[in-house]
Amino acid sequence: MATQVIVSFIAKEGIVDGLQNQLVDTVKNHTPSFDGFISAVVHRDLANPNRLVIMEEWESAEDFNAYLDSYSEEEKAKMGENLAGPPDVKILDVSLN
């Protein structure tokens, strides 16, 4: 069963367009090379235009966590400079009713 991941970012004022471009580029050109990646889409919140959300699908939570672990502390810190706070990450199992 696939794992759904929802990652929310709140960009600092005035830089959301640049952050959105960076996230879209990452989702298109970097993330698909990882084992277990299925799909990802970047969304912009209509109620809060500084909020970006990536909805991702992975084969497992372990695959997603391995992807996260591929980023260095320097890369994470650089991304953090563009954010109003830490990203909110939700990892969900798909359940059939």
Foldseek 3Di string as FASTA:
>chain_A
DKKKKKKKFQFDPPCQVVVQVVVVCCQPPPVVVFAFWDHKDWDADPVRRRMIMIITIGRDPVSVVVVVVVDDPVRLVVSVVGTPDDMDMDMGDDDDD
